[in-house]
Amino acid sequence: MHRGAARYAAAWIHCHGRAAWKNSRAGISGNRNSADYQKYRFPGVDVSTLRNSTDRFAKQLGRFGNIEIRGRSADVFEIARR
């Protein structure tokens, strides 16, 4: 096996093994990878909160007045010029 291929294979095994380990532990309550803890760390935001923030910045800085924010899913937003 070529040396580069061996390094690639070792890295792939390490990466996927680590991901599998973390996913297996995510179901444990109190674990830092659990869904509840991730919701606590990243509580989420909605479109109106983002709009309020950009409106406040627009007033204070005189910029960002031509920005439109649309929600694409629960955690994904599209921010574009109007």
C-alpha atoms as a PDB file:
ATOM      1  CA  MET A   1       0.000   0.000   0.000  1.00  0.00           C
ATOM      2  CA  HIS A   2       1.242   3.473  -0.827  1.00  0.00           C
ATOM      3  CA  ARG A   3       2.240   5.569   2.195  1.00  0.00           C
ATOM      4  CA  GLY A   4      -0.338   8.266   1.377  1.00  0.00           C
ATOM      5  CA  ALA A   5      -3.096   5.677   1.087  1.00  0.00           C
ATOM      6  CA  ALA A   6      -2.137   4.202   4.459  1.00  0.00           C
ATOM      7  CA  ARG A   7      -2.276   7.628   6.116  1.00  0.00           C
ATOM      8  CA  TYR A   8      -5.629   8.309   4.478  1.00  0.00           C
ATOM      9  CA  ALA A   9      -7.014   4.964   5.668  1.00  0.00           C
ATOM     10  CA  ALA A  10      -5.749   5.540   9.216  1.00  0.00           C
ATOM     11  CA  ALA A  11      -7.260   9.032   9.299  1.00  0.00           C
ATOM     12  CA  TRP A  12     -10.574   7.753   7.911  1.00  0.00           C
ATOM     13  CA  ILE A  13     -10.757   5.003  10.537  1.00  0.00           C
ATOM     14  CA  HIS A  14      -9.913   7.449  13.314  1.00  0.00           C
ATOM     15  CA  CYS A  15     -12.456  10.028  12.142  1.00  0.00           C
ATOM     16  CA  HIS A  16     -15.325   7.600  11.680  1.00  0.00           C
ATOM     17  CA  GLY A  17     -14.491   5.709  14.856  1.00  0.00           C
ATOM     18  CA  ARG A  18     -14.520   8.936  16.865  1.00  0.00           C
ATOM     19  CA  ALA A  19     -17.836   9.985  15.320  1.00  0.00           C
ATOM     20  CA  ALA A  20     -19.357   6.575  16.115  1.00  0.00           C
ATOM     21  CA  TRP A  21     -18.097   6.819  19.705  1.00  0.00           C
ATOM     22  CA  LYS A  22     -19.588  10.294  20.155  1.00  0.00           C
ATOM     23  CA  ASN A  23     -22.899   9.273  18.601  1.00  0.00           C
ATOM     24  CA  SER A  24     -23.130   6.237  20.869  1.00  0.00           C
ATOM     25  CA  ARG A  25     -22.607   8.412  23.945  1.00  0.00           C
ATOM     26  CA  ALA A  26     -24.998  11.163  22.816  1.00  0.00           C
ATOM     27  CA  GLY A  27     -27.974   9.263  24.225  1.00  0.00           C
ATOM     28  CA  ILE A  28     -26.586   9.371  27.757  1.00  0.00           C
ATOM     29  CA  SER A  29     -28.286  12.035  29.856  1.00  0.00           C
ATOM     30  CA  GLY A  30     -25.862  14.722  30.995  1.00  0.00           C
ATOM     31  CA  ASN A  31     -23.312  13.888  28.328  1.00  0.00           C
ATOM     32  CA  ARG A  32     -21.952  16.936  26.520  1.00  0.00           C
ATOM     33  CA  ASN A  33     -23.051  15.485  23.183  1.00  0.00           C
ATOM     34  CA  SER A  34     -26.630  14.787  24.247  1.00  0.00           C
ATOM     35  CA  ALA A  35     -29.415  16.585  22.425  1.00  0.00           C
ATOM     36  CA  ASP A  36     -30.627  18.248  25.636  1.00  0.00           C
ATOM     37  CA  TYR A  37     -27.211  19.678  26.408  1.00  0.00           C
ATOM     38  CA  GLN A  38     -26.767  20.907  22.837  1.00  0.00           C
ATOM     39  CA  LYS A  39     -30.142  22.694  23.069  1.00  0.00           C
ATOM     40  CA  TYR A  40     -28.984  24.264  26.322  1.00  0.00           C
ATOM     41  CA  ARG A  41     -25.703  25.432  24.768  1.00  0.00           C
ATOM     42  CA  PHE A  42     -27.293  26.653  21.557  1.00  0.00           C
ATOM     43  CA  PRO A  43     -30.840  27.668  22.484  1.00  0.00           C
ATOM     44  CA  GLY A  44     -31.809  28.668  18.983  1.00  0.00           C
ATOM     45  CA  VAL A  45     -33.009  31.872  17.435  1.00  0.00           C
ATOM     46  CA  ASP A  46     -35.974  32.855  15.336  1.00  0.00           C
ATOM     47  CA  VAL A  47     -36.349  35.222  12.399  1.00  0.00           C
ATOM     48  CA  SER A  48     -37.891  38.022  14.450  1.00  0.00           C
ATOM     49  CA  THR A  49     -34.926  38.053  16.863  1.00  0.00           C
ATOM     50  CA  LEU A  50     -32.493  38.290  13.967  1.00  0.00           C
ATOM     51  CA  ARG A  51     -34.540  41.075  12.370  1.00  0.00           C
ATOM     52  CA  ASN A  52     -34.613  43.015  15.648  1.00  0.00           C
ATOM     53  CA  SER A  53     -30.829  42.710  15.921  1.00  0.00           C
ATOM     54  CA  THR A  54     -30.205  43.874  12.370  1.00  0.00           C
ATOM     55  CA  ASP A  55     -32.680  46.750  12.824  1.00  0.00           C
ATOM     56  CA  ARG A  56     -30.832  47.833  15.953  1.00  0.00           C
ATOM     57  CA  PHE A  57     -27.495  47.675  14.123  1.00  0.00           C
ATOM     58  CA  ALA A  58     -28.993  49.631  11.225  1.00  0.00           C
ATOM     59  CA  LYS A  59     -30.053  52.436  13.577  1.00  0.00           C
ATOM     60  CA  GLN A  60     -26.754  52.533  15.459  1.00  0.00           C
ATOM     61  CA  LEU A  61     -24.367  52.110  12.541  1.00  0.00           C
ATOM     62  CA  GLY A  62     -26.318  53.415   9.598  1.00  0.00           C
ATOM     63  CA  ARG A  63     -25.700  50.112   7.815  1.00  0.00           C
ATOM     64  CA  PHE A  64     -27.550  46.844   7.271  1.00  0.00           C
ATOM     65  CA  GLY A  65     -30.791  48.631   6.399  1.00  0.00           C
ATOM     66  CA  ASN A  66     -31.152  46.740   3.138  1.00  0.00           C
ATOM     67  CA  ILE A  67     -30.920  43.232   4.603  1.00  0.00           C
ATOM     68  CA  GLU A  68     -33.660  40.659   4.315  1.00  0.00           C
ATOM     69  CA  ILE A  69     -33.753  37.598   6.582  1.00  0.00           C
ATOM     70  CA  ARG A  70     -35.768  34.489   5.749  1.00  0.00           C
ATOM     71  CA  GLY A  71     -35.993  31.245   7.671  1.00  0.00           C
ATOM     72  CA  ARG A  72     -35.211  28.151   5.614  1.00  0.00           C
ATOM     73  CA  SER A  73     -35.552  25.591   8.418  1.00  0.00           C
ATOM     74  CA  ALA A  74     -35.409  25.542  12.215  1.00  0.00           C
ATOM     75  CA  ASP A  75     -31.676  26.318  12.299  1.00  0.00           C
ATOM     76  CA  VAL A  76     -30.964  27.736   8.839  1.00  0.00           C
ATOM     77  CA  PHE A  77     -31.538  31.316   7.742  1.00  0.00           C
ATOM     78  CA  GLU A  78     -30.974  33.140   4.499  1.00  0.00           C
ATOM     79  CA  ILE A  79     -29.579  36.648   4.846  1.00  0.00           C
ATOM     80  CA  ALA A  80     -29.531  38.640   1.601  1.00  0.00           C
ATOM     81  CA  ARG A  81     -29.752  42.135   0.244  1.00  0.00           C
ATOM     82  CA  ARG A  82     -33.212  43.418  -0.577  1.00  0.00           C
END
